[in-house]
Amino acid sequence: MPTIITLLPSTRVVPVEHWQLVDKETGRQVFPGDKFVTRDGDHVVLRGGTPPTKPSSTGRVHCYVEERDLDHYWFPSVVDLMWVEVDDD
């Protein structure tokens, strides 16, 4: 099943099919709609994100904060996630 990620505006096109957003502890791939708790205890729903655009970047994740009815763009580590590059082989 292909990953559906909403990309944020960027000056560089990143082929999202070469990236997966995964849970840092388990390595399990995550998808929009999955729920998480932030380091600060906020309950959020993953809406999408942007993979890294250069080696020094960690990318971003787009989350909906349920308690505050707000959208936020964070570093993936805020919700214990990370982007991993996948091989086409």
C-alpha atoms as a PDB file:
ATOM      1  CA  MET A   1       0.000   0.000   0.000  1.00  0.00           C
ATOM      2  CA  PRO A   2       1.594   3.333  -1.006  1.00  0.00           C
ATOM      3  CA  THR A   3       2.204   5.989   1.598  1.00  0.00           C
ATOM      4  CA  ILE A   4       0.007   9.047   1.212  1.00  0.00           C
ATOM      5  CA  ILE A   5       1.721  12.082   2.669  1.00  0.00           C
ATOM      6  CA  THR A   6       0.645  15.686   2.245  1.00  0.00           C
ATOM      7  CA  LEU A   7       3.708  17.644   1.173  1.00  0.00           C
ATOM      8  CA  LEU A   8       4.327  21.147   2.398  1.00  0.00           C
ATOM      9  CA  PRO A   9       5.383  23.862  -0.034  1.00  0.00           C
ATOM     10  CA  SER A  10       9.090  23.542  -0.718  1.00  0.00           C
ATOM     11  CA  THR A  11      11.656  24.943  -3.082  1.00  0.00           C
ATOM     12  CA  ARG A  12      12.868  21.415  -3.805  1.00  0.00           C
ATOM     13  CA  VAL A  13      10.710  18.528  -4.947  1.00  0.00           C
ATOM     14  CA  VAL A  14      11.296  15.478  -2.766  1.00  0.00           C
ATOM     15  CA  PRO A  15      10.066  12.177  -4.190  1.00  0.00           C
ATOM     16  CA  VAL A  16       7.975  11.038  -1.215  1.00  0.00           C
ATOM     17  CA  GLU A  17       7.864   7.469  -2.534  1.00  0.00           C
ATOM     18  CA  HIS A  18      11.522   7.153  -1.431  1.00  0.00           C
ATOM     19  CA  TRP A  19      10.681   7.938   2.192  1.00  0.00           C
ATOM     20  CA  GLN A  20       8.660   6.395   4.992  1.00  0.00           C
ATOM     21  CA  LEU A  21       7.669   7.936   8.290  1.00  0.00           C
ATOM     22  CA  VAL A  22       8.273   5.413  11.063  1.00  0.00           C
ATOM     23  CA  ASP A  23       8.039   5.053  14.842  1.00  0.00           C
ATOM     24  CA  LYS A  24      11.553   5.570  16.285  1.00  0.00           C
ATOM     25  CA  GLU A  25      11.266   2.709  18.785  1.00  0.00           C
ATOM     26  CA  THR A  26       9.486   0.017  16.780  1.00  0.00           C
ATOM     27  CA  GLY A  27      10.419   0.941  13.199  1.00  0.00           C
ATOM     28  CA  ARG A  28       6.736   0.495  12.263  1.00  0.00           C
ATOM     29  CA  GLN A  29       5.584   2.656   9.366  1.00  0.00           C
ATOM     30  CA  VAL A  30       2.972   5.246  10.373  1.00  0.00           C
ATOM     31  CA  PHE A  31       0.219   6.830   8.300  1.00  0.00           C
ATOM     32  CA  PRO A  32      -2.012   9.905   8.303  1.00  0.00           C
ATOM     33  CA  GLY A  33      -4.783   9.324  10.840  1.00  0.00           C
ATOM     34  CA  ASP A  34      -2.527   7.512  13.322  1.00  0.00           C
ATOM     35  CA  LYS A  35      -2.647   8.945  16.853  1.00  0.00           C
ATOM     36  CA  PHE A  36       0.298   9.827  19.078  1.00  0.00           C
ATOM     37  CA  VAL A  37       1.161  11.610  22.314  1.00  0.00           C
ATOM     38  CA  THR A  38       3.788  14.376  22.180  1.00  0.00           C
ATOM     39  CA  ARG A  39       6.660  14.771  24.636  1.00  0.00           C
ATOM     40  CA  ASP A  40       4.468  17.364  26.404  1.00  0.00           C
ATOM     41  CA  GLY A  41       1.508  14.993  26.711  1.00  0.00           C
ATOM     42  CA  ASP A  42      -0.682  16.449  23.944  1.00  0.00           C
ATOM     43  CA  HIS A  43      -2.804  13.957  21.998  1.00  0.00           C
ATOM     44  CA  VAL A  44      -2.323  14.454  18.259  1.00  0.00           C
ATOM     45  CA  VAL A  45      -3.412  12.961  14.952  1.00  0.00           C
ATOM     46  CA  LEU A  46      -0.828  12.684  12.187  1.00  0.00           C
ATOM     47  CA  ARG A  47      -1.963  14.541   9.069  1.00  0.00           C
ATOM     48  CA  GLY A  48       1.176  14.259   6.937  1.00  0.00           C
ATOM     49  CA  GLY A  49       4.608  15.770   6.645  1.00  0.00           C
ATOM     50  CA  THR A  50       7.635  16.550   4.551  1.00  0.00           C
ATOM     51  CA  PRO A  51      10.670  14.274   4.313  1.00  0.00           C
ATOM     52  CA  PRO A  52      14.154  15.759   4.719  1.00  0.00           C
ATOM     53  CA  THR A  53      15.328  17.934   1.829  1.00  0.00           C
ATOM     54  CA  LYS A  54      19.040  17.783   2.713  1.00  0.00           C
ATOM     55  CA  PRO A  55      21.301  15.586   4.851  1.00  0.00           C
ATOM     56  CA  SER A  56      21.207  17.932   7.856  1.00  0.00           C
ATOM     57  CA  SER A  57      17.385  18.000   7.940  1.00  0.00           C
ATOM     58  CA  THR A  58      15.023  15.695   9.857  1.00  0.00           C
ATOM     59  CA  GLY A  59      11.968  16.739   7.836  1.00  0.00           C
ATOM     60  CA  ARG A  60       8.715  17.794   9.451  1.00  0.00           C
ATOM     61  CA  VAL A  61       5.416  16.233  10.510  1.00  0.00           C
ATOM     62  CA  HIS A  62       1.984  17.847  10.318  1.00  0.00           C
ATOM     63  CA  CYS A  63      -0.198  17.011  13.318  1.00  0.00           C
ATOM     64  CA  TYR A  64      -3.609  18.039  14.600  1.00  0.00           C
ATOM     65  CA  VAL A  65      -3.624  18.755  18.362  1.00  0.00           C
ATOM     66  CA  GLU A  66      -6.991  17.490  19.570  1.00  0.00           C
ATOM     67  CA  GLU A  67      -7.098  19.294  22.949  1.00  0.00           C
ATOM     68  CA  ARG A  68      -6.437  22.690  21.367  1.00  0.00           C
ATOM     69  CA  ASP A  69      -8.115  22.229  17.968  1.00  0.00           C
ATOM     70  CA  LEU A  70      -4.861  23.360  16.286  1.00  0.00           C
ATOM     71  CA  ASP A  71      -2.616  22.197  13.458  1.00  0.00           C
ATOM     72  CA  HIS A  72       1.141  22.152  14.096  1.00  0.00           C
ATOM     73  CA  TYR A  73       4.245  21.378  12.042  1.00  0.00           C
ATOM     74  CA  TRP A  74       6.967  19.816  14.172  1.00  0.00           C
ATOM     75  CA  PHE A  75      10.232  17.991  14.027  1.00  0.00           C
ATOM     76  CA  PRO A  76       9.366  14.266  13.890  1.00  0.00           C
ATOM     77  CA  SER A  77      11.084  13.652  17.236  1.00  0.00           C
ATOM     78  CA  VAL A  78       8.319  15.595  19.025  1.00  0.00           C
ATOM     79  CA  VAL A  79       6.085  12.544  18.473  1.00  0.00           C
ATOM     80  CA  ASP A  80       8.929   9.958  18.486  1.00  0.00           C
ATOM     81  CA  LEU A  81       8.894   9.513  14.707  1.00  0.00           C
ATOM     82  CA  MET A  82      11.580   9.726  12.043  1.00  0.00           C
ATOM     83  CA  TRP A  83      11.809   9.713   8.270  1.00  0.00           C
ATOM     84  CA  VAL A  84      13.731   6.803   6.714  1.00  0.00           C
ATOM     85  CA  GLU A  85      14.831   6.570   3.117  1.00  0.00           C
ATOM     86  CA  VAL A  86      13.706   3.370   1.424  1.00  0.00           C
ATOM     87  CA  ASP A  87      15.403   1.461  -1.363  1.00  0.00           C
ATOM     88  CA  ASP A  88      13.483   0.785  -4.548  1.00  0.00           C
ATOM     89  CA  ASP A  89      15.203  -2.599  -4.858  1.00  0.00           C
END
